[in-house]
């Protein structure tokens, strides 16, 4: 009887041991599966991170390109605006000078009539001459230039206006300026009023 009980106990012990071993084996297999799954997921995770990094880099480059374009557009706009302002001021100065030139010409006409001018009181004349000098200096500081060609200077149709031609028998005088009828003015390198001149023209009838 005792032997039978011992056998039963031994069987129960063997079955429990077998179940324990089986459970341990299953845990080991599950652990191996988890490790295997983790091993497989690491490359995938790295690949995903690389893809996200690439997307971020592309977006960063797009934002940078957009910012650079907008900055370049702003710089160009600023330059255009500054150039437009310069042109506006230049045009405004030109208009102002053109309106003042007749005043200068009035002074010149008064000075040209020497007999009448010298008959005036000296103090009065000096005051007018001083005002004329001040006005001319201010305009010159703004870029005004008197165009008063000298006698014998070659006529240039892009600079001078030939009001009259006078015959000459000297070939060397042909096409030269004999006299200035009305001097001109330039402003910052641009002719705003061309000088009017008398030009010598060779008389070819003598040669014939």
Protein backbone atom coordinates (compact mmCIF):
# COMPACT_ATOMS: atom_id res chain seq x y z
CA UNK A 1 0.00 0.00 0.00
CA UNK A 2 2.80 2.32 0.94
CA UNK A 3 4.57 1.50 -2.31
CA UNK A 4 1.49 2.45 -4.28
CA UNK A 5 1.30 5.83 -2.55
CA UNK A 6 4.95 6.43 -3.24
CA UNK A 7 4.43 5.69 -6.93
CA UNK A 8 1.45 8.06 -7.08
CA UNK A 9 3.46 10.80 -5.40
CA UNK A 10 6.37 10.21 -7.75
CA UNK A 11 4.06 10.42 -10.77
CA UNK A 12 2.55 13.66 -9.50
CA UNK A 13 5.99 15.09 -8.93
CA UNK A 14 7.11 14.05 -12.42
CA UNK A 15 4.02 15.62 -14.02
CA UNK A 16 4.56 18.88 -12.11
CA UNK A 17 8.19 18.94 -13.15
CA UNK A 18 7.23 18.30 -16.76
CA UNK A 19 4.66 21.11 -16.73
CA UNK A 20 7.20 23.46 -15.14
CA UNK A 21 9.78 22.62 -17.75
CA UNK A 22 7.20 23.08 -20.48
CA UNK A 23 6.22 26.46 -19.07
CA UNK A 24 9.86 27.49 -18.83
CA UNK A 25 10.45 26.38 -22.39
CA UNK A 26 7.45 28.39 -23.60
CA UNK A 27 8.74 31.47 -21.79
CA UNK A 28 12.13 31.00 -23.39
CA UNK A 29 10.51 30.69 -26.83
CA UNK A 30 8.39 33.76 -26.22
CA UNK A 31 11.47 35.68 -25.13
CA UNK A 32 13.28 34.53 -28.26
CA UNK A 33 10.31 35.67 -30.36
CA UNK A 34 10.32 39.09 -28.65
CA UNK A 35 14.05 39.49 -29.20
CA UNK A 36 13.60 38.42 -32.82
CA UNK A 37 10.77 40.92 -33.31
CA UNK A 38 12.87 43.68 -31.71
CA UNK A 39 15.81 42.76 -33.93
CA UNK A 40 13.56 43.05 -36.99
CA UNK A 41 11.98 46.37 -35.85
CA UNK A 42 15.32 48.22 -35.28
CA UNK A 43 16.24 48.47 -38.99
CA UNK A 44 12.68 49.50 -39.79
CA UNK A 45 12.81 52.16 -37.10
CA UNK A 46 16.13 53.46 -38.39
CA UNK A 47 14.72 53.53 -41.92
CA UNK A 48 11.67 55.49 -40.75
CA UNK A 49 13.87 57.96 -38.88
CA UNK A 50 16.01 58.43 -41.96
CA UNK A 51 12.90 59.07 -44.06
CA UNK A 52 11.62 61.62 -41.56
CA UNK A 53 15.04 63.27 -41.43
CA UNK A 54 15.09 63.51 -45.22
CA UNK A 55 11.61 65.06 -45.21
CA UNK A 56 12.72 67.57 -42.57
CA UNK A 57 15.83 68.45 -44.58
CA UNK A 58 13.74 68.95 -47.73
CA UNK A 59 11.29 71.16 -45.85
CA UNK A 60 14.17 73.12 -44.34
CA UNK A 61 15.69 73.65 -47.81
CA UNK A 62 12.32 74.74 -49.19
CA UNK A 63 11.88 77.27 -46.39
CA UNK A 64 15.45 78.49 -46.88
CA UNK A 65 14.98 78.85 -50.65
CA UNK A 66 11.70 80.69 -50.10
CA UNK A 67 13.30 83.02 -47.57
CA UNK A 68 16.22 83.72 -49.89
CA UNK A 69 13.87 84.48 -52.80
CA UNK A 70 11.76 86.79 -50.67
CA UNK A 71 14.89 88.51 -49.35
CA UNK A 72 16.22 88.96 -52.90
CA UNK A 73 12.83 90.31 -54.01
CA UNK A 74 12.84 92.76 -51.11
CA UNK A 75 16.39 93.92 -51.90
CA UNK A 76 15.46 94.42 -55.56
CA UNK A 77 12.31 96.29 -54.56
CA UNK A 78 14.34 98.50 -52.24
CA UNK A 79 16.86 99.24 -54.99
CA UNK A 80 14.09 100.03 -57.49
CA UNK A 81 12.41 102.29 -54.94
CA UNK A 82 15.67 104.13 -54.22
CA UNK A 83 16.36 104.52 -57.95
CA UNK A 84 12.82 105.82 -58.53
CA UNK A 85 13.30 108.33 -55.71
CA UNK A 86 16.61 109.46 -57.21
CA UNK A 87 15.02 109.84 -60.63
CA UNK A 88 12.11 111.74 -59.12
CA UNK A 89 14.42 114.14 -57.29
CA UNK A 90 16.56 114.51 -60.39
CA UNK A 91 13.49 115.25 -62.51
CA UNK A 92 12.17 117.68 -59.90
CA UNK A 93 15.53 119.50 -59.81
CA UNK A 94 15.61 119.59 -63.58
CA UNK A 95 12.14 121.13 -63.75
CA UNK A 96 13.08 123.69 -61.11
CA UNK A 97 16.30 124.65 -62.90
CA UNK A 98 14.48 124.95 -66.22
CA UNK A 99 12.06 127.38 -64.60
CA UNK A 100 14.89 129.43 -63.09
CA UNK A 101 16.96 129.65 -66.30
CA UNK A 102 14.76 132.45 -67.76
CA UNK A 103 15.62 134.47 -64.63
CA UNK A 104 19.32 133.96 -65.35
CA UNK A 105 18.74 134.99 -68.96
CA UNK A 106 17.05 138.17 -67.77
CA UNK A 107 20.15 138.98 -65.75
CA UNK A 108 22.35 138.27 -68.79
CA UNK A 109 20.21 140.53 -71.00
CA UNK A 110 20.48 143.32 -68.48
CA UNK A 111 24.26 142.95 -68.23
CA UNK A 112 24.59 142.79 -72.04
CA UNK A 113 23.15 146.27 -72.46
CA UNK A 114 26.30 147.90 -71.15
CA UNK A 115 25.30 151.50 -71.87
CA UNK A 116 22.08 151.27 -69.90
CA UNK A 117 23.58 149.04 -67.23
CA UNK A 118 26.55 151.30 -66.54
CA UNK A 119 24.29 154.32 -66.31
CA UNK A 120 22.69 152.87 -63.17
CA UNK A 121 24.01 153.66 -59.67
CA UNK A 122 27.07 151.57 -58.85
CA UNK A 123 25.74 150.39 -55.49
CA UNK A 124 22.54 149.16 -57.14
CA UNK A 125 24.50 147.41 -59.90
CA UNK A 126 26.79 145.64 -57.41
CA UNK A 127 23.78 144.44 -55.44
CA UNK A 128 22.15 142.95 -58.56
CA UNK A 129 25.44 141.36 -59.69
CA UNK A 130 25.87 139.82 -56.24
CA UNK A 131 22.36 138.34 -56.34
CA UNK A 132 23.04 136.93 -59.82
CA UNK A 133 26.34 135.43 -58.63
CA UNK A 134 24.66 133.81 -55.60
CA UNK A 135 21.88 132.33 -57.71
CA UNK A 136 24.33 130.97 -60.29
CA UNK A 137 26.56 129.41 -57.61
CA UNK A 138 23.61 127.66 -55.97
CA UNK A 139 22.50 126.23 -59.31
CA UNK A 140 26.05 125.13 -60.14
CA UNK A 141 26.22 123.30 -56.82
CA UNK A 142 23.16 121.34 -57.99
CA UNK A 143 24.90 120.32 -61.21
CA UNK A 144 24.15 123.25 -63.53
CA UNK A 145 26.72 123.92 -66.23
CA UNK A 146 26.83 126.83 -68.65
CA UNK A 147 27.31 125.81 -72.29
CA UNK A 148 29.04 128.73 -73.97
CA UNK A 149 31.15 127.44 -76.89
CA UNK A 150 34.13 129.49 -77.94
CA UNK A 151 34.70 130.99 -81.37
CA UNK A 152 36.18 128.50 -83.82
CA UNK A 153 34.87 125.47 -81.93
CA UNK A 154 33.48 122.86 -84.33
CA UNK A 155 29.71 122.77 -84.57
CA UNK A 156 28.21 119.66 -83.00
CA UNK A 157 24.54 119.10 -83.85
CA UNK A 158 24.10 116.93 -80.75
CA UNK A 159 25.14 119.87 -78.54
CA UNK A 160 24.55 123.07 -80.51
CA UNK A 161 21.69 124.59 -82.46
CA UNK A 162 22.68 126.36 -85.67
CA UNK A 163 20.39 129.38 -85.89
CA UNK A 164 22.22 130.98 -88.80
CA UNK A 165 25.07 130.15 -91.17
CA UNK A 166 27.50 132.71 -92.53
CA UNK A 167 29.69 132.19 -95.58
CA UNK A 168 33.44 131.91 -95.24
CA UNK A 169 36.21 131.55 -97.79
CA UNK A 170 38.56 129.91 -95.32
CA UNK A 171 38.38 126.10 -95.37
CA UNK A 172 39.69 125.97 -91.82
CA UNK A 173 36.69 127.97 -90.60
CA UNK A 174 34.15 125.77 -92.37
CA UNK A 175 31.78 124.21 -89.82
CA UNK A 176 33.18 126.31 -86.99
CA UNK A 177 31.19 128.45 -84.60
CA UNK A 178 31.45 132.15 -85.36
CA UNK A 179 29.37 133.53 -82.53
CA UNK A 180 27.04 132.42 -79.73
CA UNK A 181 23.58 133.93 -79.99
CA UNK A 182 22.30 132.41 -76.78
CA UNK A 183 24.29 130.21 -74.43
CA UNK A 184 22.88 126.91 -73.23
CA UNK A 185 22.79 124.96 -70.01
CA UNK A 186 23.45 121.40 -68.91
CA UNK A 187 22.42 119.68 -65.70
CA UNK A 188 24.35 116.72 -64.29
CA UNK A 189 25.77 115.87 -67.70
CA UNK A 190 22.45 116.26 -69.55
CA UNK A 191 21.78 119.12 -71.95
CA UNK A 192 18.58 120.85 -70.90
CA UNK A 193 19.02 123.85 -73.18
CA UNK A 194 21.31 123.74 -76.21
CA UNK A 195 23.30 126.87 -77.07
CA UNK A 196 22.20 128.70 -80.21
CA UNK A 197 25.09 129.63 -82.47
CA UNK A 198 26.09 131.05 -85.84
CA UNK A 199 28.09 128.58 -87.92
CA UNK A 200 30.57 129.31 -90.70
CA UNK A 201 29.86 127.66 -94.02
CA UNK A 202 32.43 127.46 -96.81
CA UNK A 203 31.55 129.51 -99.86
CA UNK A 204 32.25 127.08 -102.68
CA UNK A 205 31.41 129.50 -105.48
CA UNK A 206 34.85 131.04 -105.16
CA UNK A 207 36.46 127.66 -105.68
CA UNK A 208 34.36 127.09 -108.76
